[in-house]
Amino acid sequence: MRSVADDLRREQRARLACLSPAERVALAERLGAEGLASLMAAQGLGRAAALAAIRRTRRIGRRASRCHDEGR
C-alpha cells in the first residue's frame, strides 16, 4: 500500500536527482543557513552562541575514541 509520505519521498528524490552537484551544494548551504537562522530566532541566540549549541548537541552521547585518549 502506498502512502502519501512514500509519494513525497519519491518526488523529492526525483527533484534532487535533476540538480547538478553545484546546485546540491548550494541547496545544502542555503538550508543550513536557514536552519541556523531559525535556531537563532527561536532561542534568541547570536550566531556564535547558536553554533556552539549545535556543536554541543552533536557531542551528546558520543564517546572519545580510544586512540584519541592514547595519543595524549
PDB file of N, CA and C in Angstrom:
ATOM      1  N   MET A   1       0.838  -1.174   0.000  1.00  0.00           N
ATOM      2  CA  MET A   1       0.000   0.000   0.000  1.00  0.00           C
ATOM      3  C   MET A   1       0.889   1.244   0.000  1.00  0.00           C
ATOM      4  N   ARG A   2       0.610   2.167  -0.868  1.00  0.00           N
ATOM      5  CA  ARG A   2       1.386   3.392  -0.971  1.00  0.00           C
ATOM      6  C   ARG A   2       0.845   4.433  -0.014  1.00  0.00           C
ATOM      7  N   SER A   3       1.772   5.199   0.534  1.00  0.00           N
ATOM      8  CA  SER A   3       1.356   6.253   1.450  1.00  0.00           C
ATOM      9  C   SER A   3       1.720   7.601   0.848  1.00  0.00           C
ATOM     10  N   VAL A   4       1.149   8.623   1.420  1.00  0.00           N
ATOM     11  CA  VAL A   4       1.463   9.989   0.986  1.00  0.00           C
ATOM     12  C   VAL A   4       2.945  10.274   1.225  1.00  0.00           C
ATOM     13  N   ALA A   5       3.472   9.790   2.356  1.00  0.00           N
ATOM     14  CA  ALA A   5       4.887  10.009   2.673  1.00  0.00           C
ATOM     15  C   ALA A   5       5.791   9.358   1.629  1.00  0.00           C
ATOM     16  N   ASP A   6       5.432   8.151   1.171  1.00  0.00           N
ATOM     17  CA  ASP A   6       6.216   7.479   0.127  1.00  0.00           C
ATOM     18  C   ASP A   6       6.213   8.287  -1.161  1.00  0.00           C
ATOM     19  N   ASP A   7       5.052   8.801  -1.516  1.00  0.00           N
ATOM     20  CA  ASP A   7       4.954   9.620  -2.734  1.00  0.00           C
ATOM     21  C   ASP A   7       5.795  10.882  -2.616  1.00  0.00           C
ATOM     22  N   LEU A   8       5.741  11.528  -1.460  1.00  0.00           N
ATOM     23  CA  LEU A   8       6.527  12.745  -1.254  1.00  0.00           C
ATOM     24  C   LEU A   8       8.028  12.457  -1.319  1.00  0.00           C
ATOM     25  N   ARG A   9       8.454  11.317  -0.741  1.00  0.00           N
ATOM     26  CA  ARG A   9       9.876  10.943  -0.791  1.00  0.00           C
ATOM     27  C   ARG A   9      10.323  10.710  -2.227  1.00  0.00           C
ATOM     28  N   ARG A  10       9.486  10.010  -3.008  1.00  0.00           N
ATOM     29  CA  ARG A  10       9.821   9.774  -4.418  1.00  0.00           C
ATOM     30  C   ARG A  10       9.941  11.088  -5.183  1.00  0.00           C
ATOM     31  N   GLU A  11       9.015  11.992  -4.955  1.00  0.00           N
ATOM     32  CA  GLU A  11       9.051  13.290  -5.639  1.00  0.00           C
ATOM     33  C   GLU A  11      10.305  14.073  -5.263  1.00  0.00           C
ATOM     34  N   GLN A  12      10.645  14.048  -3.972  1.00  0.00           N
ATOM     35  CA  GLN A  12      11.832  14.771  -3.521  1.00  0.00           C
ATOM     36  C   GLN A  12      13.094  14.177  -4.135  1.00  0.00           C
ATOM     37  N   ARG A  13      13.195  12.851  -4.162  1.00  0.00           N
ATOM     38  CA  ARG A  13      14.360  12.209  -4.785  1.00  0.00           C
ATOM     39  C   ARG A  13      14.474  12.579  -6.253  1.00  0.00           C
ATOM     40  N   ALA A  14      13.346  12.615  -6.951  1.00  0.00           N
ATOM     41  CA  ALA A  14      13.356  12.969  -8.372  1.00  0.00           C
ATOM     42  C   ALA A  14      13.826  14.411  -8.560  1.00  0.00           C
ATOM     43  N   ARG A  15      13.351  15.316  -7.712  1.00  0.00           N
ATOM     44  CA  ARG A  15      13.788  16.723  -7.810  1.00  0.00           C
ATOM     45  C   ARG A  15      15.283  16.852  -7.547  1.00  0.00           C
ATOM     46  N   LEU A  16      15.791  16.148  -6.529  1.00  0.00           N
ATOM     47  CA  LEU A  16      17.208  16.232  -6.194  1.00  0.00           C
ATOM     48  C   LEU A  16      18.072  15.590  -7.270  1.00  0.00           C
ATOM     49  N   ALA A  17      17.562  14.543  -7.919  1.00  0.00           N
ATOM     50  CA  ALA A  17      18.327  13.874  -8.967  1.00  0.00           C
ATOM     51  C   ALA A  17      18.539  14.788 -10.173  1.00  0.00           C
ATOM     52  N   CYS A  18      17.659  15.743 -10.362  1.00  0.00           N
ATOM     53  CA  CYS A  18      17.772  16.667 -11.503  1.00  0.00           C
ATOM     54  C   CYS A  18      18.777  17.792 -11.245  1.00  0.00           C
ATOM     55  N   LEU A  19      19.210  17.958 -10.000  1.00  0.00           N
ATOM     56  CA  LEU A  19      20.132  19.042  -9.665  1.00  0.00           C
ATOM     57  C   LEU A  19      21.571  18.641  -9.978  1.00  0.00           C
ATOM     58  N   SER A  20      22.350  19.618 -10.376  1.00  0.00           N
ATOM     59  CA  SER A  20      23.780  19.391 -10.579  1.00  0.00           C
ATOM     60  C   SER A  20      24.456  19.346  -9.209  1.00  0.00           C
ATOM     61  N   PRO A  21      25.671  18.812  -9.137  1.00  0.00           N
ATOM     62  CA  PRO A  21      26.376  18.802  -7.851  1.00  0.00           C
ATOM     63  C   PRO A  21      26.516  20.200  -7.247  1.00  0.00           C
ATOM     64  N   ALA A  22      26.797  21.188  -8.063  1.00  0.00           N
ATOM     65  CA  ALA A  22      26.929  22.560  -7.559  1.00  0.00           C
ATOM     66  C   ALA A  22      25.604  23.062  -6.987  1.00  0.00           C
ATOM     67  N   GLU A  23      24.506  22.710  -7.650  1.00  0.00           N
ATOM     68  CA  GLU A  23      23.192  23.124  -7.153  1.00  0.00           C
ATOM     69  C   GLU A  23      22.858  22.416  -5.834  1.00  0.00           C
ATOM     70  N   ARG A  24      23.283  21.166  -5.699  1.00  0.00           N
ATOM     71  CA  ARG A  24      23.045  20.434  -4.451  1.00  0.00           C
ATOM     72  C   ARG A  24      23.821  21.062  -3.299  1.00  0.00           C
ATOM     73  N   VAL A  25      25.056  21.447  -3.565  1.00  0.00           N
ATOM     74  CA  VAL A  25      25.864  22.100  -2.533  1.00  0.00           C
ATOM     75  C   VAL A  25      25.225  23.430  -2.138  1.00  0.00           C
ATOM     76  N   ALA A  26      24.793  24.194  -3.136  1.00  0.00           N
ATOM     77  CA  ALA A  26      24.144  25.480  -2.851  1.00  0.00           C
ATOM     78  C   ALA A  26      22.873  25.266  -2.025  1.00  0.00           C
ATOM     79  N   LEU A  27      22.105  24.228  -2.350  1.00  0.00           N
ATOM     80  CA  LEU A  27      20.887  23.928  -1.599  1.00  0.00           C
ATOM     81  C   LEU A  27      21.222  23.567  -0.154  1.00  0.00           C
ATOM     82  N   ALA A  28      22.239  22.737   0.039  1.00  0.00           N
ATOM     83  CA  ALA A  28      22.640  22.344   1.394  1.00  0.00           C
ATOM     84  C   ALA A  28      23.088  23.555   2.199  1.00  0.00           C
ATOM     85  N   GLU A  29      23.845  24.448   1.580  1.00  0.00           N
ATOM     86  CA  GLU A  29      24.303  25.649   2.276  1.00  0.00           C
ATOM     87  C   GLU A  29      23.133  26.554   2.635  1.00  0.00           C
ATOM     88  N   ARG A  30      22.192  26.692   1.708  1.00  0.00           N
ATOM     89  CA  ARG A  30      21.018  27.539   1.965  1.00  0.00           C
ATOM     90  C   ARG A  30      20.180  26.961   3.100  1.00  0.00           C
ATOM     91  N   LEU A  31      19.962  25.650   3.071  1.00  0.00           N
ATOM     92  CA  LEU A  31      19.164  25.018   4.129  1.00  0.00           C
ATOM     93  C   LEU A  31      19.868  25.121   5.482  1.00  0.00           C
ATOM     94  N   GLY A  32      21.197  24.986   5.485  1.00  0.00           N
ATOM     95  CA  GLY A  32      21.943  25.133   6.729  1.00  0.00           C
ATOM     96  C   GLY A  32      21.829  26.540   7.294  1.00  0.00           C
ATOM     97  N   ALA A  33      21.933  27.525   6.423  1.00  0.00           N
ATOM     98  CA  ALA A  33      21.816  28.917   6.859  1.00  0.00           C
ATOM     99  C   ALA A  33      20.408  29.210   7.384  1.00  0.00           C
ATOM    100  N   GLU A  34      19.396  28.647   6.712  1.00  0.00           N
ATOM    101  CA  GLU A  34      18.021  28.847   7.174  1.00  0.00           C
ATOM    102  C   GLU A  34      17.799  28.179   8.529  1.00  0.00           C
ATOM    103  N   GLY A  35      18.359  26.989   8.711  1.00  0.00           N
ATOM    104  CA  GLY A  35      18.225  26.287   9.983  1.00  0.00           C
ATOM    105  C   GLY A  35      18.896  27.045  11.110  1.00  0.00           C
ATOM    106  N   LEU A  36      20.083  27.579  10.828  1.00  0.00           N
ATOM    107  CA  LEU A  36      20.801  28.367  11.830  1.00  0.00           C
ATOM    108  C   LEU A  36      20.005  29.621  12.183  1.00  0.00           C
ATOM    109  N   ALA A  37      19.449  30.285  11.182  1.00  0.00           N
ATOM    110  CA  ALA A  37      18.650  31.484  11.432  1.00  0.00           C
ATOM    111  C   ALA A  37      17.412  31.149  12.267  1.00  0.00           C
ATOM    112  N   SER A  38      16.802  29.999  11.993  1.00  0.00           N
ATOM    113  CA  SER A  38      15.622  29.580  12.766  1.00  0.00           C
ATOM    114  C   SER A  38      15.992  29.320  14.223  1.00  0.00           C
ATOM    115  N   LEU A  39      17.123  28.642  14.443  1.00  0.00           N
ATOM    116  CA  LEU A  39      17.577  28.387  15.808  1.00  0.00           C
ATOM    117  C   LEU A  39      17.864  29.694  16.542  1.00  0.00           C
ATOM    118  N   MET A  40      18.529  30.613  15.861  1.00  0.00           N
ATOM    119  CA  MET A  40      18.856  31.902  16.467  1.00  0.00           C
ATOM    120  C   MET A  40      17.581  32.647  16.861  1.00  0.00           C
ATOM    121  N   ALA A  41      16.596  32.647  15.976  1.00  0.00           N
ATOM    122  CA  ALA A  41      15.346  33.362  16.246  1.00  0.00           C
ATOM    123  C   ALA A  41      14.541  32.682  17.352  1.00  0.00           C
ATOM    124  N   ALA A  42      14.479  31.360  17.318  1.00  0.00           N
ATOM    125  CA  ALA A  42      13.660  30.627  18.286  1.00  0.00           C
ATOM    126  C   ALA A  42      14.216  30.726  19.694  1.00  0.00           C
ATOM    127  N   GLN A  43      15.548  30.734  19.810  1.00  0.00           N
ATOM    128  CA  GLN A  43      16.142  30.735  21.142  1.00  0.00           C
ATOM    129  C   GLN A  43      16.764  32.066  21.523  1.00  0.00           C
ATOM    130  N   GLY A  44      16.659  33.051  20.663  1.00  0.00           N
ATOM    131  CA  GLY A  44      17.195  34.374  20.966  1.00  0.00           C
ATOM    132  C   GLY A  44      18.707  34.374  21.121  1.00  0.00           C
ATOM    133  N   LEU A  45      19.384  33.604  20.292  1.00  0.00           N
ATOM    134  CA  LEU A  45      20.839  33.486  20.376  1.00  0.00           C
ATOM    135  C   LEU A  45      21.520  34.268  19.266  1.00  0.00           C
ATOM    136  N   GLY A  46      22.746  34.649  19.526  1.00  0.00           N
ATOM    137  CA  GLY A  46      23.578  35.217  18.475  1.00  0.00           C
ATOM    138  C   GLY A  46      24.158  34.078  17.653  1.00  0.00           C
ATOM    139  N   ARG A  47      24.820  34.419  16.557  1.00  0.00           N
ATOM    140  CA  ARG A  47      25.371  33.397  15.659  1.00  0.00           C
ATOM    141  C   ARG A  47      26.369  32.481  16.373  1.00  0.00           C
ATOM    142  N   ALA A  48      27.307  33.062  17.116  1.00  0.00           N
ATOM    143  CA  ALA A  48      28.333  32.263  17.792  1.00  0.00           C
ATOM    144  C   ALA A  48      27.705  31.333  18.834  1.00  0.00           C
ATOM    145  N   ALA A  49      26.736  31.825  19.586  1.00  0.00           N
ATOM    146  CA  ALA A  49      26.079  31.004  20.602  1.00  0.00           C
ATOM    147  C   ALA A  49      25.264  29.879  19.961  1.00  0.00           C
ATOM    148  N   ALA A  50      24.618  30.169  18.841  1.00  0.00           N
ATOM    149  CA  ALA A  50      23.838  29.139  18.147  1.00  0.00           C
ATOM    150  C   ALA A  50      24.759  28.051  17.603  1.00  0.00           C
ATOM    151  N   LEU A  51      25.884  28.438  17.027  1.00  0.00           N
ATOM    152  CA  LEU A  51      26.839  27.450  16.523  1.00  0.00           C
ATOM    153  C   LEU A  51      27.406  26.607  17.664  1.00  0.00           C
ATOM    154  N   ALA A  52      27.672  27.228  18.801  1.00  0.00           N
ATOM    155  CA  ALA A  52      28.165  26.490  19.963  1.00  0.00           C
ATOM    156  C   ALA A  52      27.107  25.498  20.452  1.00  0.00           C
ATOM    157  N   ALA A  53      25.846  25.891  20.431  1.00  0.00           N
ATOM    158  CA  ALA A  53      24.763  24.994  20.850  1.00  0.00           C
ATOM    159  C   ALA A  53      24.671  23.790  19.913  1.00  0.00           C
ATOM    160  N   ILE A  54      24.835  24.020  18.627  1.00  0.00           N
ATOM    161  CA  ILE A  54      24.807  22.921  17.661  1.00  0.00           C
ATOM    162  C   ILE A  54      25.979  21.979  17.908  1.00  0.00           C
ATOM    163  N   ARG A  55      27.152  22.524  18.150  1.00  0.00           N
ATOM    164  CA  ARG A  55      28.322  21.683  18.423  1.00  0.00           C
ATOM    165  C   ARG A  55      28.110  20.831  19.680  1.00  0.00           C
ATOM    166  N   ARG A  56      27.506  21.428  20.703  1.00  0.00           N
ATOM    167  CA  ARG A  56      27.242  20.684  21.938  1.00  0.00           C
ATOM    168  C   ARG A  56      26.302  19.512  21.680  1.00  0.00           C
ATOM    169  N   THR A  57      25.238  19.750  20.919  1.00  0.00           N
ATOM    170  CA  THR A  57      24.274  18.677  20.678  1.00  0.00           C
ATOM    171  C   THR A  57      24.881  17.571  19.822  1.00  0.00           C
ATOM    172  N   ARG A  58      25.830  17.879  18.991  1.00  0.00           N
ATOM    173  CA  ARG A  58      26.491  16.845  18.196  1.00  0.00           C
ATOM    174  C   ARG A  58      27.349  15.937  19.068  1.00  0.00           C
ATOM    175  N   ARG A  59      27.844  16.449  20.183  1.00  0.00           N
ATOM    176  CA  ARG A  59      28.711  15.664  21.067  1.00  0.00           C
ATOM    177  C   ARG A  59      27.930  14.798  22.034  1.00  0.00           C
ATOM    178  N   ILE A  60      26.671  15.101  22.261  1.00  0.00           N
ATOM    179  CA  ILE A  60      25.880  14.369  23.246  1.00  0.00           C
ATOM    180  C   ILE A  60      25.807  12.894  22.845  1.00  0.00           C
ATOM    181  N   GLY A  61      26.155  12.041  23.791  1.00  0.00           N
ATOM    182  CA  GLY A  61      26.083  10.617  23.552  1.00  0.00           C
ATOM    183  C   GLY A  61      27.289  10.020  22.862  1.00  0.00           C
ATOM    184  N   ARG A  62      28.250  10.833  22.482  1.00  0.00           N
ATOM    185  CA  ARG A  62      29.442  10.313  21.816  1.00  0.00           C
ATOM    186  C   ARG A  62      30.534  10.073  22.836  1.00  0.00           C
ATOM    187  N   ARG A  63      31.320   9.074  22.564  1.00  0.00           N
ATOM    188  CA  ARG A  63      32.474   8.789  23.403  1.00  0.00           C
ATOM    189  C   ARG A  63      33.731   9.135  22.629  1.00  0.00           C
ATOM    190  N   ALA A  64      34.736   9.550  23.345  1.00  0.00           N
ATOM    191  CA  ALA A  64      36.009   9.842  22.695  1.00  0.00           C
ATOM    192  C   ALA A  64      36.610   8.542  22.189  1.00  0.00           C
ATOM    193  N   SER A  65      37.288   8.624  21.079  1.00  0.00           N
ATOM    194  CA  SER A  65      37.939   7.459  20.505  1.00  0.00           C
ATOM    195  C   SER A  65      39.076   6.995  21.421  1.00  0.00           C
ATOM    196  N   ARG A  66      39.232   5.700  21.509  1.00  0.00           N
ATOM    197  CA  ARG A  66      40.286   5.146  22.366  1.00  0.00           C
ATOM    198  C   ARG A  66      41.665   5.611  21.878  1.00  0.00           C
ATOM    199  N   CYS A  67      41.862   5.655  20.576  1.00  0.00           N
ATOM    200  CA  CYS A  67      43.149   6.085  20.056  1.00  0.00           C
ATOM    201  C   CYS A  67      43.378   7.577  20.345  1.00  0.00           C
ATOM    202  N   HIS A  68      42.299   8.339  20.449  1.00  0.00           N
ATOM    203  CA  HIS A  68      42.426   9.748  20.796  1.00  0.00           C
ATOM    204  C   HIS A  68      42.991   9.897  22.210  1.00  0.00           C
ATOM    205  N   ASP A  69      42.499   9.045  23.119  1.00  0.00           N
ATOM    206  CA  ASP A  69      42.977   9.092  24.507  1.00  0.00           C
ATOM    207  C   ASP A  69      44.416   8.605  24.625  1.00  0.00           C
ATOM    208  N   GLU A  70      44.802   7.612  23.845  1.00  0.00           N
ATOM    209  CA  GLU A  70      46.146   7.053  23.924  1.00  0.00           C
ATOM    210  C   GLU A  70      47.191   8.002  23.378  1.00  0.00           C
ATOM    211  N   GLY A  71      46.789   8.898  22.495  1.00  0.00           N
ATOM    212  CA  GLY A  71      47.729   9.835  21.883  1.00  0.00           C
ATOM    213  C   GLY A  71      48.174  10.935  22.816  1.00  0.00           C
ATOM    214  N   ARG A  72      47.554  11.037  23.945  1.00  0.00           N
ATOM    215  CA  ARG A  72      47.863  12.135  24.877  1.00  0.00           C
ATOM    216  C   ARG A  72      48.943  11.777  25.820  1.00  0.00           C
TER     217      ARG A  72
END
